[in-house]
Amino acid sequence: MVALDESGNIFVTCGDNRIRKVNSTNGVEILAGSGNSGFTDGKGTAAKFFFPWGIAVDHVGSVFVADTANHTIRKILPDGTVSTFAGRPTVNGDNDGVGSLARFDSPWGLAFDLQGNLYVSNYAIQHGAYTIKKGTRAPLQILPQVSNSLLQLRLQYGDATPPSDLSKVEIQRRNVLPTGNDLEWGSLTGGLTLNGDVALWEDAEGLTRASEFYRAVEH
């Protein structure tokens, strides 16, 4: 199976239990997989798959693979680092859940929708069903940190990836109205930056509020 990313690179699941990348100049390289069947998370050829088949690429360039005989969904970062996104290796089933609590039975095809949700075709032969499973992205999280006495909010999803389009992200701060009892959320302009895989917002006013006075809203 093949998948294309936004830069024109092609990713291929191969019968030798490897994932290959074909770049825009037709150069071919092994992105991940040792060539031996098995199950191992790791980087590049240190990782192992067992009959990888379905493949899809998300908006930040991470590659997702239906590791069919291992009954799992694997995630490959652009540098070739492989992790287990969902399912438990070699344990088949048809249970919904988060991460390793989910169960698949010979997952086959993968596809993303425009909202970043991942869909999996699941054979579930032993359970008498052919199903389509939907994996939803966790809400955008804010992780507070301090740099040079200024409050910073790191923005990321549950899989540690940042939002790719900061124009659709609004930082809001909770303000107390003059009555002292009512609260409202006010929009803050500027301050959002994206550097590689790190999205940050910095409060130029300094540590004037605790982190719970902030939230990130996607539009």
C-alpha atoms as a PDB file:
ATOM      1  CA  MET A   1       0.000   0.000   0.000  1.00  0.00           C
ATOM      2  CA  VAL A   2       1.109   3.594  -0.558  1.00  0.00           C
ATOM      3  CA  ALA A   3       0.460   7.029   0.962  1.00  0.00           C
ATOM      4  CA  LEU A   4       1.491  10.552  -0.011  1.00  0.00           C
ATOM      5  CA  ASP A   5       2.450  13.413   2.313  1.00  0.00           C
ATOM      6  CA  GLU A   6       1.967  17.149   1.701  1.00  0.00           C
ATOM      7  CA  SER A   7       5.537  17.510   0.397  1.00  0.00           C
ATOM      8  CA  GLY A   8       5.097  14.898  -2.325  1.00  0.00           C
ATOM      9  CA  ASN A   9       6.968  12.075  -0.593  1.00  0.00           C
ATOM     10  CA  ILE A  10       5.563   8.574  -1.115  1.00  0.00           C
ATOM     11  CA  PHE A  11       5.513   5.981   1.683  1.00  0.00           C
ATOM     12  CA  VAL A  12       5.177   2.278   0.921  1.00  0.00           C
ATOM     13  CA  THR A  13       4.462  -0.758   3.104  1.00  0.00           C
ATOM     14  CA  CYS A  14       6.517  -3.655   1.745  1.00  0.00           C
ATOM     15  CA  GLY A  15       6.245  -7.439   1.952  1.00  0.00           C
ATOM     16  CA  ASP A  16       9.651  -7.644   3.637  1.00  0.00           C
ATOM     17  CA  ASN A  17       8.215  -5.984   6.782  1.00  0.00           C
ATOM     18  CA  ARG A  18       9.767  -2.613   5.996  1.00  0.00           C
ATOM     19  CA  ILE A  19       8.362   0.850   5.363  1.00  0.00           C
ATOM     20  CA  ARG A  20      10.078   2.684   2.506  1.00  0.00           C
ATOM     21  CA  LYS A  21      10.089   6.345   1.548  1.00  0.00           C
ATOM     22  CA  VAL A  22      10.335   7.623  -2.017  1.00  0.00           C
ATOM     23  CA  ASN A  23      11.252  11.313  -2.066  1.00  0.00           C
ATOM     24  CA  SER A  24      10.300  13.903  -4.677  1.00  0.00           C
ATOM     25  CA  THR A  25      13.451  13.139  -6.723  1.00  0.00           C
ATOM     26  CA  ASN A  26      12.643   9.393  -6.732  1.00  0.00           C
ATOM     27  CA  GLY A  27      15.289   8.499  -4.169  1.00  0.00           C
ATOM     28  CA  VAL A  28      14.316   5.437  -2.127  1.00  0.00           C
ATOM     29  CA  GLU A  29      15.241   4.811   1.509  1.00  0.00           C
ATOM     30  CA  ILE A  30      14.145   2.541   4.340  1.00  0.00           C
ATOM     31  CA  LEU A  31      12.175   4.637   6.824  1.00  0.00           C
ATOM     32  CA  ALA A  32      11.623   1.851   9.359  1.00  0.00           C
ATOM     33  CA  GLY A  33      11.731  -1.911   9.754  1.00  0.00           C
ATOM     34  CA  SER A  34      14.504  -4.467  10.123  1.00  0.00           C
ATOM     35  CA  GLY A  35      13.208  -6.780   7.418  1.00  0.00           C
ATOM     36  CA  ASN A  36      12.483  -9.505   9.979  1.00  0.00           C
ATOM     37  CA  SER A  37       8.959 -10.140  11.235  1.00  0.00           C
ATOM     38  CA  GLY A  38       8.291  -9.348  14.885  1.00  0.00           C
ATOM     39  CA  PHE A  39       7.252  -6.524  17.162  1.00  0.00           C
ATOM     40  CA  THR A  40       9.713  -3.900  18.393  1.00  0.00           C
ATOM     41  CA  ASP A  41       9.370  -0.153  18.815  1.00  0.00           C
ATOM     42  CA  GLY A  42      12.531   1.764  17.980  1.00  0.00           C
ATOM     43  CA  LYS A  43      14.202   3.970  15.403  1.00  0.00           C
ATOM     44  CA  GLY A  44      14.658   3.028  11.765  1.00  0.00           C
ATOM     45  CA  THR A  45      15.857  -0.513  11.188  1.00  0.00           C
ATOM     46  CA  ALA A  46      15.743  -1.271  14.933  1.00  0.00           C
ATOM     47  CA  ALA A  47      11.943  -1.452  14.694  1.00  0.00           C
ATOM     48  CA  LYS A  48      10.064  -4.587  13.654  1.00  0.00           C
ATOM     49  CA  PHE A  49       6.701  -5.109  11.962  1.00  0.00           C
ATOM     50  CA  PHE A  50       4.705  -8.196  11.082  1.00  0.00           C
ATOM     51  CA  PHE A  51       2.872  -7.884   7.765  1.00  0.00           C
ATOM     52  CA  PRO A  52       2.392  -4.090   7.675  1.00  0.00           C
ATOM     53  CA  TRP A  53      -0.307  -3.156   5.201  1.00  0.00           C
ATOM     54  CA  GLY A  54      -2.464  -0.022   5.450  1.00  0.00           C
ATOM     55  CA  ILE A  55      -0.652   3.316   5.602  1.00  0.00           C
ATOM     56  CA  ALA A  56      -1.615   6.983   5.975  1.00  0.00           C
ATOM     57  CA  VAL A  57       0.186  10.268   6.693  1.00  0.00           C
ATOM     58  CA  ASP A  58      -1.111  13.014   8.997  1.00  0.00           C
ATOM     59  CA  HIS A  59      -0.827  16.780   8.505  1.00  0.00           C
ATOM     60  CA  VAL A  60       2.542  17.048  10.303  1.00  0.00           C
ATOM     61  CA  GLY A  61       4.193  14.227   8.348  1.00  0.00           C
ATOM     62  CA  SER A  62       3.863  11.365  10.832  1.00  0.00           C
ATOM     63  CA  VAL A  63       3.241   8.016   9.136  1.00  0.00           C
ATOM     64  CA  PHE A  64       0.666   5.581  10.546  1.00  0.00           C
ATOM     65  CA  VAL A  65       0.812   1.889   9.661  1.00  0.00           C
ATOM     66  CA  ALA A  66      -1.677  -0.920  10.157  1.00  0.00           C
ATOM     67  CA  ASP A  67       0.639  -3.613  11.560  1.00  0.00           C
ATOM     68  CA  THR A  68      -1.781  -6.320  10.557  1.00  0.00           C
ATOM     69  CA  ALA A  69      -0.338  -9.497  12.066  1.00  0.00           C
ATOM     70  CA  ASN A  70       0.554  -7.681  15.298  1.00  0.00           C
ATOM     71  CA  HIS A  71      -3.025  -6.295  15.599  1.00  0.00           C
ATOM     72  CA  THR A  72      -1.729  -2.790  16.238  1.00  0.00           C
ATOM     73  CA  ILE A  73      -1.518   0.687  14.701  1.00  0.00           C
ATOM     74  CA  ARG A  74       2.065   1.970  14.610  1.00  0.00           C
ATOM     75  CA  LYS A  75       3.228   5.569  14.315  1.00  0.00           C
ATOM     76  CA  ILE A  76       6.463   6.605  12.585  1.00  0.00           C
ATOM     77  CA  LEU A  77       7.906  10.089  13.090  1.00  0.00           C
ATOM     78  CA  PRO A  78       9.731  11.774  10.180  1.00  0.00           C
ATOM     79  CA  ASP A  79      13.092  10.698  11.687  1.00  0.00           C
ATOM     80  CA  GLY A  80      12.011   7.027  11.576  1.00  0.00           C
ATOM     81  CA  THR A  81      11.171   6.598  15.259  1.00  0.00           C
ATOM     82  CA  VAL A  82       8.441   3.963  15.624  1.00  0.00           C
ATOM     83  CA  SER A  83       5.954   3.778  18.509  1.00  0.00           C
ATOM     84  CA  THR A  84       2.701   1.923  19.128  1.00  0.00           C
ATOM     85  CA  PHE A  85      -0.214   4.311  18.635  1.00  0.00           C
ATOM     86  CA  ALA A  86      -3.065   1.935  19.503  1.00  0.00           C
ATOM     87  CA  GLY A  87      -3.679  -1.715  20.260  1.00  0.00           C
ATOM     88  CA  ARG A  88      -1.692  -4.338  22.112  1.00  0.00           C
ATOM     89  CA  PRO A  89       0.840  -6.393  20.175  1.00  0.00           C
ATOM     90  CA  THR A  90      -0.202  -9.944  19.252  1.00  0.00           C
ATOM     91  CA  VAL A  91      -3.486  -9.584  21.212  1.00  0.00           C
ATOM     92  CA  ASN A  92      -6.470  -9.458  18.875  1.00  0.00           C
ATOM     93  CA  GLY A  93      -9.996  -8.275  19.649  1.00  0.00           C
ATOM     94  CA  ASP A  94     -12.590  -5.670  18.752  1.00  0.00           C
ATOM     95  CA  ASN A  95     -12.701  -3.422  21.825  1.00  0.00           C
ATOM     96  CA  ASP A  96     -12.834   0.369  21.776  1.00  0.00           C
ATOM     97  CA  GLY A  97     -10.449   2.206  24.097  1.00  0.00           C
ATOM     98  CA  VAL A  98      -7.530   4.615  24.346  1.00  0.00           C
ATOM     99  CA  GLY A  99      -4.055   3.572  23.205  1.00  0.00           C
ATOM    100  CA  SER A 100      -3.097   0.095  24.420  1.00  0.00           C
ATOM    101  CA  LEU A 101      -6.625  -0.496  25.770  1.00  0.00           C
ATOM    102  CA  ALA A 102      -8.023  -0.638  22.225  1.00  0.00           C
ATOM    103  CA  ARG A 103      -8.098  -3.966  20.400  1.00  0.00           C
ATOM    104  CA  PHE A 104      -7.871  -4.718  16.696  1.00  0.00           C
ATOM    105  CA  ASP A 105      -8.151  -7.959  14.752  1.00  0.00           C
ATOM    106  CA  SER A 106      -5.983  -7.824  11.644  1.00  0.00           C
ATOM    107  CA  PRO A 107      -6.338  -4.077  10.970  1.00  0.00           C
ATOM    108  CA  TRP A 108      -6.043  -3.483   7.251  1.00  0.00           C
ATOM    109  CA  GLY A 109      -6.725  -0.065   5.719  1.00  0.00           C
ATOM    110  CA  LEU A 110      -6.074   3.422   7.144  1.00  0.00           C
ATOM    111  CA  ALA A 111      -7.296   6.888   6.172  1.00  0.00           C
ATOM    112  CA  PHE A 112      -7.399  10.377   7.708  1.00  0.00           C
ATOM    113  CA  ASP A 113     -10.268  12.834   7.335  1.00  0.00           C
ATOM    114  CA  LEU A 114      -9.826  16.616   7.088  1.00  0.00           C
ATOM    115  CA  GLN A 115     -10.238  16.987  10.861  1.00  0.00           C
ATOM    116  CA  GLY A 116      -7.307  14.661  11.603  1.00  0.00           C
ATOM    117  CA  ASN A 117      -9.388  11.659  12.694  1.00  0.00           C
ATOM    118  CA  LEU A 118      -7.909   8.291  11.722  1.00  0.00           C
ATOM    119  CA  TYR A 119     -10.153   5.530  10.359  1.00  0.00           C
ATOM    120  CA  VAL A 120      -9.166   1.852  10.498  1.00  0.00           C
ATOM    121  CA  SER A 121     -10.754  -1.048   8.636  1.00  0.00           C
ATOM    122  CA  ASN A 122     -10.747  -3.933  11.116  1.00  0.00           C
ATOM    123  CA  TYR A 123     -11.360  -7.497   9.951  1.00  0.00           C
ATOM    124  CA  ALA A 124     -12.365  -8.913  13.352  1.00  0.00           C
ATOM    125  CA  ILE A 125     -12.818 -12.279  11.638  1.00  0.00           C
ATOM    126  CA  GLN A 126     -12.699 -14.294  14.848  1.00  0.00           C
ATOM    127  CA  HIS A 127     -15.388 -12.045  16.299  1.00  0.00           C
ATOM    128  CA  GLY A 128     -17.757 -12.369  13.371  1.00  0.00           C
ATOM    129  CA  ALA A 129     -17.614  -8.755  12.233  1.00  0.00           C
ATOM    130  CA  TYR A 130     -15.994  -6.420   9.746  1.00  0.00           C
ATOM    131  CA  THR A 131     -15.761  -2.996  11.371  1.00  0.00           C
ATOM    132  CA  ILE A 132     -14.508   0.528  10.745  1.00  0.00           C
ATOM    133  CA  LYS A 133     -12.881   2.065  13.801  1.00  0.00           C
ATOM    134  CA  LYS A 134     -12.411   5.799  14.305  1.00  0.00           C
ATOM    135  CA  GLY A 135      -9.501   7.220  16.263  1.00  0.00           C
ATOM    136  CA  THR A 136     -10.114  10.810  17.342  1.00  0.00           C
ATOM    137  CA  ARG A 137      -7.387  13.276  18.153  1.00  0.00           C
ATOM    138  CA  ALA A 138      -7.211  14.397  21.774  1.00  0.00           C
ATOM    139  CA  PRO A 139      -8.141  18.055  22.440  1.00  0.00           C
ATOM    140  CA  LEU A 140      -5.424  20.675  22.266  1.00  0.00           C
ATOM    141  CA  GLN A 141      -3.569  20.820  25.581  1.00  0.00           C
ATOM    142  CA  ILE A 142      -1.632  23.650  27.227  1.00  0.00           C
ATOM    143  CA  LEU A 143       1.510  22.872  29.224  1.00  0.00           C
ATOM    144  CA  PRO A 144       2.759  25.821  31.338  1.00  0.00           C
ATOM    145  CA  GLN A 145       6.443  26.613  31.735  1.00  0.00           C
ATOM    146  CA  VAL A 146       8.513  29.644  32.757  1.00  0.00           C
ATOM    147  CA  SER A 147      11.320  31.219  30.726  1.00  0.00           C
ATOM    148  CA  ASN A 148      13.082  34.451  31.730  1.00  0.00           C
ATOM    149  CA  SER A 149      10.359  35.107  34.317  1.00  0.00           C
ATOM    150  CA  LEU A 150       7.677  34.990  31.618  1.00  0.00           C
ATOM    151  CA  LEU A 151       4.858  32.480  31.535  1.00  0.00           C
ATOM    152  CA  GLN A 152       4.890  30.300  28.421  1.00  0.00           C
ATOM    153  CA  LEU A 153       2.188  27.892  27.283  1.00  0.00           C
ATOM    154  CA  ARG A 154       3.294  24.964  25.154  1.00  0.00           C
ATOM    155  CA  LEU A 155       0.484  23.779  22.874  1.00  0.00           C
ATOM    156  CA  GLN A 156       0.239  20.164  21.813  1.00  0.00           C
ATOM    157  CA  TYR A 157      -2.202  17.336  21.210  1.00  0.00           C
ATOM    158  CA  GLY A 158      -2.289  14.095  23.139  1.00  0.00           C
ATOM    159  CA  ASP A 159       0.237  12.557  20.740  1.00  0.00           C
ATOM    160  CA  ALA A 160       2.685  15.433  21.490  1.00  0.00           C
ATOM    161  CA  THR A 161       2.302  17.028  18.039  1.00  0.00           C
ATOM    162  CA  PRO A 162       1.695  20.798  17.809  1.00  0.00           C
ATOM    163  CA  PRO A 163      -1.088  22.532  15.879  1.00  0.00           C
ATOM    164  CA  SER A 164       0.168  23.143  12.350  1.00  0.00           C
ATOM    165  CA  ASP A 165      -1.923  26.260  11.599  1.00  0.00           C
ATOM    166  CA  LEU A 166      -1.558  28.806  14.412  1.00  0.00           C
ATOM    167  CA  SER A 167      -3.967  31.164  12.646  1.00  0.00           C
ATOM    168  CA  LYS A 168      -6.749  28.841  13.795  1.00  0.00           C
ATOM    169  CA  VAL A 169      -5.654  28.870  17.457  1.00  0.00           C
ATOM    170  CA  GLU A 170      -6.835  31.535  19.892  1.00  0.00           C
ATOM    171  CA  ILE A 171      -5.368  32.033  23.362  1.00  0.00           C
ATOM    172  CA  GLN A 172      -7.893  33.265  25.901  1.00  0.00           C
ATOM    173  CA  ARG A 173      -7.387  34.549  29.433  1.00  0.00           C
ATOM    174  CA  ARG A 174      -9.976  34.400  32.170  1.00  0.00           C
ATOM    175  CA  ASN A 175     -10.738  37.843  33.568  1.00  0.00           C
ATOM    176  CA  VAL A 176     -12.661  38.800  36.695  1.00  0.00           C
ATOM    177  CA  LEU A 177     -15.367  41.386  36.088  1.00  0.00           C
ATOM    178  CA  PRO A 178     -15.804  44.409  38.407  1.00  0.00           C
ATOM    179  CA  THR A 179     -18.489  42.626  40.439  1.00  0.00           C
ATOM    180  CA  GLY A 180     -15.804  40.233  41.673  1.00  0.00           C
ATOM    181  CA  ASN A 181     -18.039  37.212  41.107  1.00  0.00           C
ATOM    182  CA  ASP A 182     -18.488  37.003  37.359  1.00  0.00           C
ATOM    183  CA  LEU A 183     -15.863  35.659  34.974  1.00  0.00           C
ATOM    184  CA  GLU A 184     -15.321  36.084  31.266  1.00  0.00           C
ATOM    185  CA  TRP A 185     -12.743  34.871  28.773  1.00  0.00           C
ATOM    186  CA  GLY A 186     -10.907  37.566  26.821  1.00  0.00           C
ATOM    187  CA  SER A 187      -9.026  36.953  23.586  1.00  0.00           C
ATOM    188  CA  LEU A 188      -5.281  37.690  23.508  1.00  0.00           C
ATOM    189  CA  THR A 189      -3.609  38.716  20.270  1.00  0.00           C
ATOM    190  CA  GLY A 190      -0.129  37.738  19.133  1.00  0.00           C
ATOM    191  CA  GLY A 191       2.549  35.844  21.013  1.00  0.00           C
ATOM    192  CA  LEU A 192       2.073  32.482  19.253  1.00  0.00           C
ATOM    193  CA  THR A 193       5.137  30.938  17.611  1.00  0.00           C
ATOM    194  CA  LEU A 194       5.855  27.601  15.949  1.00  0.00           C
ATOM    195  CA  ASN A 195       9.453  26.352  15.904  1.00  0.00           C
ATOM    196  CA  GLY A 196       9.783  22.842  14.528  1.00  0.00           C
ATOM    197  CA  ASP A 197       7.543  20.622  16.657  1.00  0.00           C
ATOM    198  CA  VAL A 198       7.119  23.198  19.460  1.00  0.00           C
ATOM    199  CA  ALA A 199       4.225  25.681  19.525  1.00  0.00           C
ATOM    200  CA  LEU A 200       4.495  28.344  22.249  1.00  0.00           C
ATOM    201  CA  TRP A 201       2.549  31.333  23.491  1.00  0.00           C
ATOM    202  CA  GLU A 202       4.310  33.781  25.801  1.00  0.00           C
ATOM    203  CA  ASP A 203       2.636  36.240  28.162  1.00  0.00           C
ATOM    204  CA  ALA A 204       4.571  39.474  27.679  1.00  0.00           C
ATOM    205  CA  GLU A 205       3.029  40.883  30.879  1.00  0.00           C
ATOM    206  CA  GLY A 206       4.992  38.436  32.998  1.00  0.00           C
ATOM    207  CA  LEU A 207       3.651  36.081  35.656  1.00  0.00           C
ATOM    208  CA  THR A 208       0.433  37.984  36.187  1.00  0.00           C
ATOM    209  CA  ARG A 209      -1.840  34.957  36.102  1.00  0.00           C
ATOM    210  CA  ALA A 210      -1.638  31.280  37.033  1.00  0.00           C
ATOM    211  CA  SER A 211      -1.766  28.846  34.127  1.00  0.00           C
ATOM    212  CA  GLU A 212      -5.347  27.818  34.905  1.00  0.00           C
ATOM    213  CA  PHE A 213      -6.404  31.328  33.845  1.00  0.00           C
ATOM    214  CA  TYR A 214      -5.595  30.460  30.214  1.00  0.00           C
ATOM    215  CA  ARG A 215      -7.065  28.207  27.567  1.00  0.00           C
ATOM    216  CA  ALA A 216      -6.474  27.461  23.887  1.00  0.00           C
ATOM    217  CA  VAL A 217      -9.427  27.428  21.505  1.00  0.00           C
ATOM    218  CA  GLU A 218      -9.303  26.038  17.964  1.00  0.00           C
ATOM    219  CA  HIS A 219     -11.460  27.496  15.209  1.00  0.00           C
END
